[in-house]
Amino acid sequence: MKKAEPHFRAMALTSAILSQLAGGPLAGVFLGKWVDSQLSTTPTFLIIGLFLGLGTGTYGTIHLVRTYTGDD
């Protein structure tokens, strides 16, 4: 099997970082809005979901980069 070229690996890492940093907060916001609509608590769970999504995305990105660089 042919080894991936370095620029393709860099593009894959960049795409993974972007998806984690954008996907975590988006999922948290949408889940928080849905919980708010079910419980009629307007911004409470939206804010909680946003912060949880930011934390999850940041943690996932740090873990991914550490695994990629071999610091894990």
N, C-alpha and C. Protein backbone atom coordinates (compact mmCIF):
# COMPACT_ATOMS: atom_id res chain seq x y z
N MET A 1 0.85 -1.19 0.00
CA MET A 1 0.00 0.00 0.00
C MET A 1 0.89 1.24 0.00
N LYS A 2 0.54 2.19 -0.81
CA LYS A 2 1.31 3.42 -0.93
C LYS A 2 1.04 4.34 0.25
N LYS A 3 2.09 4.90 0.82
CA LYS A 3 1.96 5.82 1.95
C LYS A 3 1.40 7.15 1.47
N ALA A 4 0.51 7.75 2.26
CA ALA A 4 -0.10 9.02 1.89
C ALA A 4 0.96 10.12 1.85
N GLU A 5 0.82 10.99 0.89
CA GLU A 5 1.76 12.10 0.78
C GLU A 5 1.51 13.10 1.90
N PRO A 6 2.56 13.83 2.34
CA PRO A 6 2.42 14.73 3.49
C PRO A 6 1.36 15.81 3.33
N HIS A 7 1.19 16.35 2.12
CA HIS A 7 0.20 17.42 1.98
C HIS A 7 -1.21 16.87 2.07
N PHE A 8 -1.44 15.62 1.69
CA PHE A 8 -2.77 15.03 1.87
C PHE A 8 -3.05 14.76 3.35
N ARG A 9 -2.02 14.37 4.09
CA ARG A 9 -2.20 14.17 5.53
C ARG A 9 -2.50 15.49 6.22
N ALA A 10 -1.83 16.56 5.79
CA ALA A 10 -2.07 17.88 6.38
C ALA A 10 -3.48 18.37 6.07
N MET A 11 -3.94 18.11 4.85
CA MET A 11 -5.32 18.50 4.50
C MET A 11 -6.33 17.70 5.31
N ALA A 12 -6.06 16.42 5.53
CA ALA A 12 -6.96 15.59 6.33
C ALA A 12 -7.00 16.07 7.78
N LEU A 13 -5.85 16.41 8.33
CA LEU A 13 -5.80 16.91 9.70
C LEU A 13 -6.53 18.24 9.82
N THR A 14 -6.33 19.13 8.86
CA THR A 14 -7.02 20.42 8.87
C THR A 14 -8.53 20.23 8.78
N SER A 15 -8.98 19.32 7.95
CA SER A 15 -10.41 19.06 7.83
C SER A 15 -10.98 18.48 9.12
N ALA A 16 -10.24 17.59 9.77
CA ALA A 16 -10.70 17.01 11.02
C ALA A 16 -10.78 18.06 12.13
N ILE A 17 -9.79 18.94 12.19
CA ILE A 17 -9.80 20.01 13.20
C ILE A 17 -10.98 20.94 12.96
N LEU A 18 -11.19 21.33 11.71
CA LEU A 18 -12.29 22.22 11.39
C LEU A 18 -13.63 21.60 11.73
N SER A 19 -13.81 20.34 11.41
CA SER A 19 -15.09 19.70 11.68
C SER A 19 -15.35 19.57 13.17
N GLN A 20 -14.30 19.33 13.95
CA GLN A 20 -14.49 19.23 15.40
C GLN A 20 -14.75 20.59 16.03
N LEU A 21 -14.02 21.61 15.59
CA LEU A 21 -14.21 22.93 16.18
C LEU A 21 -15.53 23.57 15.77
N ALA A 22 -16.04 23.22 14.59
CA ALA A 22 -17.33 23.77 14.16
C ALA A 22 -18.48 22.87 14.54
N GLY A 23 -18.27 21.56 14.47
CA GLY A 23 -19.36 20.62 14.71
C GLY A 23 -19.79 20.53 16.16
N GLY A 24 -18.84 20.60 17.09
CA GLY A 24 -19.18 20.52 18.51
C GLY A 24 -20.12 21.62 18.96
N PRO A 25 -19.75 22.88 18.74
CA PRO A 25 -20.66 23.96 19.14
C PRO A 25 -21.99 23.95 18.38
N LEU A 26 -21.97 23.60 17.10
CA LEU A 26 -23.23 23.54 16.35
C LEU A 26 -24.15 22.48 16.90
N ALA A 27 -23.61 21.30 17.19
CA ALA A 27 -24.44 20.24 17.77
C ALA A 27 -24.96 20.66 19.14
N GLY A 28 -24.12 21.32 19.94
CA GLY A 28 -24.56 21.79 21.26
C GLY A 28 -25.66 22.83 21.17
N VAL A 29 -25.55 23.74 20.21
CA VAL A 29 -26.57 24.78 20.05
C VAL A 29 -27.89 24.16 19.59
N PHE A 30 -27.84 23.27 18.60
CA PHE A 30 -29.08 22.67 18.12
C PHE A 30 -29.73 21.79 19.18
N LEU A 31 -28.93 21.03 19.92
CA LEU A 31 -29.49 20.21 20.99
C LEU A 31 -30.06 21.09 22.10
N GLY A 32 -29.35 22.16 22.43
CA GLY A 32 -29.85 23.08 23.46
C GLY A 32 -31.13 23.77 23.05
N LYS A 33 -31.22 24.16 21.77
CA LYS A 33 -32.47 24.78 21.30
C LYS A 33 -33.62 23.78 21.35
N TRP A 34 -33.35 22.52 21.02
CA TRP A 34 -34.41 21.52 21.06
C TRP A 34 -34.88 21.29 22.49
N VAL A 35 -33.95 21.19 23.45
CA VAL A 35 -34.33 21.00 24.85
C VAL A 35 -35.09 22.22 25.35
N ASP A 36 -34.66 23.42 24.96
CA ASP A 36 -35.38 24.64 25.35
C ASP A 36 -36.80 24.63 24.81
N SER A 37 -36.99 24.17 23.59
CA SER A 37 -38.35 24.15 23.03
C SER A 37 -39.22 23.12 23.73
N GLN A 38 -38.63 22.03 24.22
CA GLN A 38 -39.40 21.01 24.92
C GLN A 38 -39.77 21.45 26.33
N LEU A 39 -38.89 22.18 26.98
CA LEU A 39 -39.11 22.56 28.38
C LEU A 39 -39.52 24.02 28.55
N SER A 40 -39.63 24.77 27.47
CA SER A 40 -40.00 26.19 27.51
C SER A 40 -39.07 27.01 28.40
N THR A 41 -37.79 26.75 28.29
CA THR A 41 -36.77 27.54 29.00
C THR A 41 -35.89 28.16 27.92
N THR A 42 -36.21 29.39 27.55
CA THR A 42 -35.69 29.95 26.31
C THR A 42 -34.18 29.90 26.13
N PRO A 43 -33.32 30.66 26.79
CA PRO A 43 -31.91 30.56 26.39
C PRO A 43 -31.06 29.65 27.27
N THR A 44 -31.63 29.04 28.29
CA THR A 44 -30.82 28.33 29.28
C THR A 44 -30.02 27.18 28.67
N PHE A 45 -30.71 26.23 28.06
CA PHE A 45 -30.02 25.06 27.54
C PHE A 45 -29.26 25.37 26.25
N LEU A 46 -29.64 26.41 25.55
CA LEU A 46 -28.88 26.83 24.39
C LEU A 46 -27.48 27.27 24.82
N ILE A 47 -27.39 28.04 25.87
CA ILE A 47 -26.09 28.51 26.38
C ILE A 47 -25.30 27.34 26.94
N ILE A 48 -25.95 26.46 27.69
CA ILE A 48 -25.28 25.29 28.23
C ILE A 48 -24.76 24.41 27.10
N GLY A 49 -25.59 24.19 26.08
CA GLY A 49 -25.17 23.38 24.94
C GLY A 49 -24.01 24.01 24.18
N LEU A 50 -24.03 25.32 24.04
CA LEU A 50 -22.93 26.01 23.37
C LEU A 50 -21.62 25.80 24.11
N PHE A 51 -21.63 25.99 25.42
CA PHE A 51 -20.40 25.82 26.19
C PHE A 51 -19.93 24.37 26.21
N LEU A 52 -20.88 23.43 26.32
CA LEU A 52 -20.49 22.02 26.27
C LEU A 52 -19.92 21.66 24.89
N GLY A 53 -20.51 22.20 23.84
CA GLY A 53 -20.01 21.95 22.49
C GLY A 53 -18.64 22.55 22.28
N LEU A 54 -18.41 23.75 22.80
CA LEU A 54 -17.08 24.36 22.70
C LEU A 54 -16.04 23.54 23.44
N GLY A 55 -16.40 23.08 24.63
CA GLY A 55 -15.47 22.26 25.40
C GLY A 55 -15.18 20.94 24.73
N THR A 56 -16.23 20.30 24.21
CA THR A 56 -16.05 19.02 23.54
C THR A 56 -15.21 19.17 22.27
N GLY A 57 -15.49 20.20 21.49
CA GLY A 57 -14.71 20.43 20.27
C GLY A 57 -13.26 20.74 20.56
N THR A 58 -13.01 21.53 21.58
CA THR A 58 -11.64 21.85 21.95
C THR A 58 -10.90 20.63 22.47
N TYR A 59 -11.55 19.85 23.34
CA TYR A 59 -10.93 18.64 23.86
C TYR A 59 -10.63 17.65 22.74
N GLY A 60 -11.58 17.47 21.84
CA GLY A 60 -11.38 16.55 20.73
C GLY A 60 -10.25 16.99 19.82
N THR A 61 -10.15 18.28 19.59
CA THR A 61 -9.07 18.81 18.74
C THR A 61 -7.71 18.61 19.40
N ILE A 62 -7.62 18.88 20.69
CA ILE A 62 -6.35 18.68 21.40
C ILE A 62 -5.96 17.21 21.36
N HIS A 63 -6.91 16.33 21.60
CA HIS A 63 -6.63 14.89 21.56
C HIS A 63 -6.19 14.46 20.16
N LEU A 64 -6.85 14.96 19.13
CA LEU A 64 -6.50 14.61 17.75
C LEU A 64 -5.09 15.07 17.40
N VAL A 65 -4.76 16.30 17.76
CA VAL A 65 -3.43 16.84 17.42
C VAL A 65 -2.35 16.10 18.20
N ARG A 66 -2.61 15.78 19.46
CA ARG A 66 -1.62 15.02 20.23
C ARG A 66 -1.41 13.63 19.65
N THR A 67 -2.47 13.00 19.21
CA THR A 67 -2.34 11.69 18.57
C THR A 67 -1.58 11.80 17.27
N TYR A 68 -1.86 12.83 16.50
CA TYR A 68 -1.21 13.03 15.21
C TYR A 68 0.28 13.31 15.35
N THR A 69 0.64 14.09 16.36
CA THR A 69 2.04 14.45 16.55
C THR A 69 2.81 13.42 17.36
N GLY A 70 2.11 12.48 17.98
CA GLY A 70 2.78 11.44 18.75
C GLY A 70 3.04 11.81 20.19
N ASP A 71 2.40 12.85 20.71
CA ASP A 71 2.59 13.27 22.09
C ASP A 71 1.66 12.56 23.06
N ASP A 72 0.81 11.66 22.57
CA ASP A 72 -0.19 11.01 23.41
C ASP A 72 0.37 9.94 24.27
